[in-house]
Amino acid sequence: MAIEPGRDKLCPLCGGRLQEKTATLPFVVKGTVVIVKGALAEVCEDCGEAFLTGKATDEVVALLQDAVSRGVELTVVTLPQVPSPV
């Protein structure tokens, strides 16, 4: 379902308004804990739940796969900041 231009995206959990910003998100995969800082996400203004954007999802999946393949137990990764499109 496409969002009409100019319309707010709504949180699928509580119906609050989603705002694009960076977030710190924890992931647990096969016993590996990865904390990702600076991930571009849509964050609900009401409940605070964060949803990764498409590009950020690709980056995070690659990080998770790398951490699991190396047998890391815990790692904290800060993603490089990308300038926001104007």
N, C-alpha and C. Protein backbone atom coordinates (compact mmCIF):
# COMPACT_ATOMS: atom_id res chain seq x y z
N MET A 1 0.85 -1.17 0.00
CA MET A 1 0.00 0.00 0.00
C MET A 1 0.90 1.24 0.00
N ALA A 2 0.71 2.09 -0.97
CA ALA A 2 1.52 3.29 -1.10
C ALA A 2 0.93 4.42 -0.27
N ILE A 3 1.80 5.24 0.26
CA ILE A 3 1.38 6.42 1.02
C ILE A 3 1.28 7.59 0.04
N GLU A 4 0.20 8.33 0.10
CA GLU A 4 0.05 9.49 -0.77
C GLU A 4 1.07 10.55 -0.38
N PRO A 5 1.66 11.23 -1.39
CA PRO A 5 2.60 12.30 -1.07
C PRO A 5 1.93 13.35 -0.18
N GLY A 6 2.66 13.82 0.81
CA GLY A 6 2.14 14.84 1.70
C GLY A 6 1.36 14.29 2.88
N ARG A 7 1.06 13.00 2.87
CA ARG A 7 0.32 12.40 3.99
C ARG A 7 1.32 11.80 4.97
N ASP A 8 0.97 11.87 6.25
CA ASP A 8 1.83 11.30 7.28
C ASP A 8 1.78 9.78 7.23
N LYS A 9 2.91 9.16 7.50
CA LYS A 9 2.95 7.72 7.68
C LYS A 9 2.54 7.45 9.11
N LEU A 10 1.77 6.38 9.31
CA LEU A 10 1.28 6.07 10.65
C LEU A 10 1.89 4.79 11.18
N CYS A 11 2.10 4.76 12.48
CA CYS A 11 2.65 3.59 13.17
C CYS A 11 1.66 2.43 13.06
N PRO A 12 2.13 1.26 12.61
CA PRO A 12 1.23 0.11 12.53
C PRO A 12 0.85 -0.45 13.90
N LEU A 13 1.57 -0.06 14.95
CA LEU A 13 1.27 -0.57 16.28
C LEU A 13 0.24 0.28 17.03
N CYS A 14 0.42 1.62 16.98
CA CYS A 14 -0.47 2.47 17.78
C CYS A 14 -1.20 3.54 16.98
N GLY A 15 -0.83 3.71 15.71
CA GLY A 15 -1.48 4.72 14.88
C GLY A 15 -0.87 6.10 14.99
N GLY A 16 0.21 6.24 15.79
CA GLY A 16 0.88 7.53 15.92
C GLY A 16 1.61 7.91 14.63
N ARG A 17 2.06 9.16 14.56
CA ARG A 17 2.75 9.67 13.38
C ARG A 17 4.21 9.21 13.40
N LEU A 18 4.70 8.75 12.25
CA LEU A 18 6.09 8.33 12.11
C LEU A 18 6.93 9.50 11.61
N GLN A 19 8.12 9.65 12.22
CA GLN A 19 9.04 10.71 11.84
C GLN A 19 10.38 10.06 11.50
N GLU A 20 10.97 10.45 10.37
CA GLU A 20 12.25 9.89 9.97
C GLU A 20 13.37 10.53 10.78
N LYS A 21 14.18 9.69 11.43
CA LYS A 21 15.34 10.16 12.18
C LYS A 21 16.25 8.96 12.45
N THR A 22 17.36 9.20 13.12
CA THR A 22 18.25 8.10 13.44
C THR A 22 17.84 7.48 14.78
N ALA A 23 18.15 6.19 14.91
CA ALA A 23 17.77 5.47 16.12
C ALA A 23 18.86 4.47 16.48
N THR A 24 18.85 4.05 17.74
CA THR A 24 19.71 2.98 18.22
C THR A 24 18.83 1.76 18.43
N LEU A 25 19.17 0.66 17.75
CA LEU A 25 18.32 -0.53 17.75
C LEU A 25 19.12 -1.77 18.13
N PRO A 26 18.59 -2.60 19.03
CA PRO A 26 19.25 -3.86 19.39
C PRO A 26 18.71 -5.01 18.54
N PHE A 27 19.59 -5.94 18.18
CA PHE A 27 19.19 -7.14 17.44
C PHE A 27 19.85 -8.34 18.10
N VAL A 28 19.15 -9.47 18.13
CA VAL A 28 19.71 -10.73 18.61
C VAL A 28 19.48 -11.76 17.51
N VAL A 29 20.58 -12.32 16.98
CA VAL A 29 20.50 -13.30 15.91
C VAL A 29 21.41 -14.47 16.27
N LYS A 30 20.84 -15.65 16.41
CA LYS A 30 21.62 -16.87 16.69
C LYS A 30 22.60 -16.67 17.84
N GLY A 31 22.16 -16.03 18.91
CA GLY A 31 23.00 -15.83 20.08
C GLY A 31 23.95 -14.65 19.99
N THR A 32 23.94 -13.95 18.88
CA THR A 32 24.79 -12.77 18.70
C THR A 32 23.96 -11.52 18.95
N VAL A 33 24.45 -10.64 19.82
CA VAL A 33 23.76 -9.38 20.11
C VAL A 33 24.50 -8.27 19.36
N VAL A 34 23.75 -7.55 18.54
CA VAL A 34 24.31 -6.43 17.79
C VAL A 34 23.48 -5.19 18.10
N ILE A 35 24.14 -4.14 18.57
CA ILE A 35 23.48 -2.86 18.82
C ILE A 35 23.91 -1.92 17.70
N VAL A 36 22.94 -1.45 16.95
CA VAL A 36 23.22 -0.57 15.81
C VAL A 36 22.81 0.85 16.18
N LYS A 37 23.80 1.74 16.15
CA LYS A 37 23.55 3.16 16.47
C LYS A 37 23.53 3.95 15.16
N GLY A 38 22.67 4.96 15.11
CA GLY A 38 22.63 5.83 13.94
C GLY A 38 21.92 5.26 12.74
N ALA A 39 21.04 4.28 12.96
CA ALA A 39 20.30 3.68 11.85
C ALA A 39 19.17 4.61 11.43
N LEU A 40 19.02 4.83 10.13
CA LEU A 40 17.93 5.65 9.64
C LEU A 40 16.63 4.87 9.79
N ALA A 41 15.69 5.45 10.53
CA ALA A 41 14.44 4.76 10.83
C ALA A 41 13.28 5.73 10.84
N GLU A 42 12.09 5.16 10.77
CA GLU A 42 10.87 5.93 10.99
C GLU A 42 10.44 5.61 12.41
N VAL A 43 10.42 6.62 13.27
CA VAL A 43 10.17 6.42 14.70
C VAL A 43 8.81 7.04 15.05
N CYS A 44 8.00 6.26 15.78
CA CYS A 44 6.68 6.74 16.18
C CYS A 44 6.82 7.81 17.26
N GLU A 45 6.13 8.92 17.05
CA GLU A 45 6.16 10.01 18.02
C GLU A 45 5.42 9.66 19.30
N ASP A 46 4.51 8.67 19.24
CA ASP A 46 3.71 8.31 20.41
C ASP A 46 4.33 7.16 21.21
N CYS A 47 4.54 6.01 20.56
CA CYS A 47 5.01 4.84 21.31
C CYS A 47 6.53 4.65 21.25
N GLY A 48 7.22 5.36 20.34
CA GLY A 48 8.67 5.28 20.26
C GLY A 48 9.21 4.10 19.47
N GLU A 49 8.33 3.26 18.93
CA GLU A 49 8.78 2.11 18.14
C GLU A 49 9.47 2.62 16.88
N ALA A 50 10.58 1.95 16.51
CA ALA A 50 11.36 2.36 15.34
C ALA A 50 11.26 1.30 14.26
N PHE A 51 11.12 1.75 13.02
CA PHE A 51 11.04 0.88 11.86
C PHE A 51 12.14 1.30 10.89
N LEU A 52 13.04 0.37 10.56
CA LEU A 52 14.14 0.69 9.65
C LEU A 52 13.62 1.07 8.27
N THR A 53 14.32 1.99 7.63
CA THR A 53 14.02 2.32 6.24
C THR A 53 14.63 1.23 5.36
N GLY A 54 14.25 1.19 4.10
CA GLY A 54 14.74 0.16 3.19
C GLY A 54 16.26 0.11 3.08
N LYS A 55 16.89 1.27 2.86
CA LYS A 55 18.35 1.31 2.73
C LYS A 55 19.02 0.87 4.02
N ALA A 56 18.51 1.34 5.15
CA ALA A 56 19.09 0.96 6.44
C ALA A 56 18.93 -0.53 6.69
N THR A 57 17.82 -1.10 6.25
CA THR A 57 17.60 -2.54 6.43
C THR A 57 18.69 -3.34 5.74
N ASP A 58 19.03 -2.96 4.51
CA ASP A 58 20.08 -3.66 3.78
C ASP A 58 21.41 -3.58 4.52
N GLU A 59 21.74 -2.40 5.04
CA GLU A 59 22.99 -2.22 5.79
C GLU A 59 23.01 -3.07 7.06
N VAL A 60 21.90 -3.05 7.79
CA VAL A 60 21.82 -3.78 9.06
C VAL A 60 21.88 -5.29 8.82
N VAL A 61 21.20 -5.78 7.81
CA VAL A 61 21.24 -7.22 7.51
C VAL A 61 22.67 -7.65 7.21
N ALA A 62 23.41 -6.85 6.45
CA ALA A 62 24.80 -7.18 6.15
C ALA A 62 25.65 -7.20 7.42
N LEU A 63 25.42 -6.23 8.32
CA LEU A 63 26.16 -6.20 9.59
C LEU A 63 25.84 -7.42 10.44
N LEU A 64 24.57 -7.79 10.50
CA LEU A 64 24.16 -8.94 11.31
C LEU A 64 24.77 -10.23 10.76
N GLN A 65 24.73 -10.40 9.45
CA GLN A 65 25.31 -11.59 8.83
C GLN A 65 26.81 -11.67 9.11
N ASP A 66 27.50 -10.54 9.03
CA ASP A 66 28.93 -10.51 9.29
C ASP A 66 29.23 -10.87 10.74
N ALA A 67 28.49 -10.30 11.68
CA ALA A 67 28.72 -10.57 13.10
C ALA A 67 28.48 -12.03 13.43
N VAL A 68 27.41 -12.61 12.89
CA VAL A 68 27.10 -14.02 13.14
C VAL A 68 28.18 -14.91 12.53
N SER A 69 28.62 -14.60 11.31
CA SER A 69 29.62 -15.44 10.65
C SER A 69 30.97 -15.40 11.38
N ARG A 70 31.26 -14.30 12.07
CA ARG A 70 32.51 -14.19 12.83
C ARG A 70 32.40 -14.76 14.24
N GLY A 71 31.19 -15.17 14.64
CA GLY A 71 31.01 -15.75 15.97
C GLY A 71 31.07 -14.73 17.09
N VAL A 72 30.76 -13.49 16.78
CA VAL A 72 30.79 -12.42 17.78
C VAL A 72 29.63 -12.61 18.76
N GLU A 73 29.89 -12.39 20.05
CA GLU A 73 28.82 -12.47 21.05
C GLU A 73 28.08 -11.16 21.18
N LEU A 74 28.83 -10.05 21.22
CA LEU A 74 28.24 -8.73 21.39
C LEU A 74 29.06 -7.71 20.63
N THR A 75 28.38 -6.86 19.88
CA THR A 75 29.08 -5.79 19.18
C THR A 75 28.17 -4.57 19.09
N VAL A 76 28.80 -3.40 19.10
CA VAL A 76 28.08 -2.14 18.92
C VAL A 76 28.65 -1.48 17.67
N VAL A 77 27.76 -1.14 16.74
CA VAL A 77 28.17 -0.56 15.46
C VAL A 77 27.48 0.78 15.28
N THR A 78 28.24 1.79 14.88
CA THR A 78 27.65 3.09 14.56
C THR A 78 27.69 3.27 13.05
N LEU A 79 26.51 3.44 12.45
CA LEU A 79 26.45 3.64 11.01
C LEU A 79 26.87 5.07 10.67
N PRO A 80 27.54 5.24 9.52
CA PRO A 80 27.92 6.60 9.12
C PRO A 80 26.67 7.41 8.80
N GLN A 81 26.70 8.69 9.14
CA GLN A 81 25.56 9.56 8.88
C GLN A 81 25.54 9.99 7.43
N VAL A 82 24.37 9.87 6.82
CA VAL A 82 24.17 10.27 5.44
C VAL A 82 23.36 11.56 5.45
N PRO A 83 23.77 12.57 4.69
CA PRO A 83 22.99 13.81 4.68
C PRO A 83 21.56 13.56 4.23
N SER A 84 20.61 14.21 4.87
CA SER A 84 19.20 14.07 4.51
C SER A 84 18.94 14.73 3.17
N PRO A 85 18.10 14.08 2.32
CA PRO A 85 17.75 14.73 1.05
C PRO A 85 16.90 15.97 1.31
N VAL A 86 17.16 17.01 0.54
CA VAL A 86 16.43 18.27 0.75
C VAL A 86 15.31 18.40 -0.22
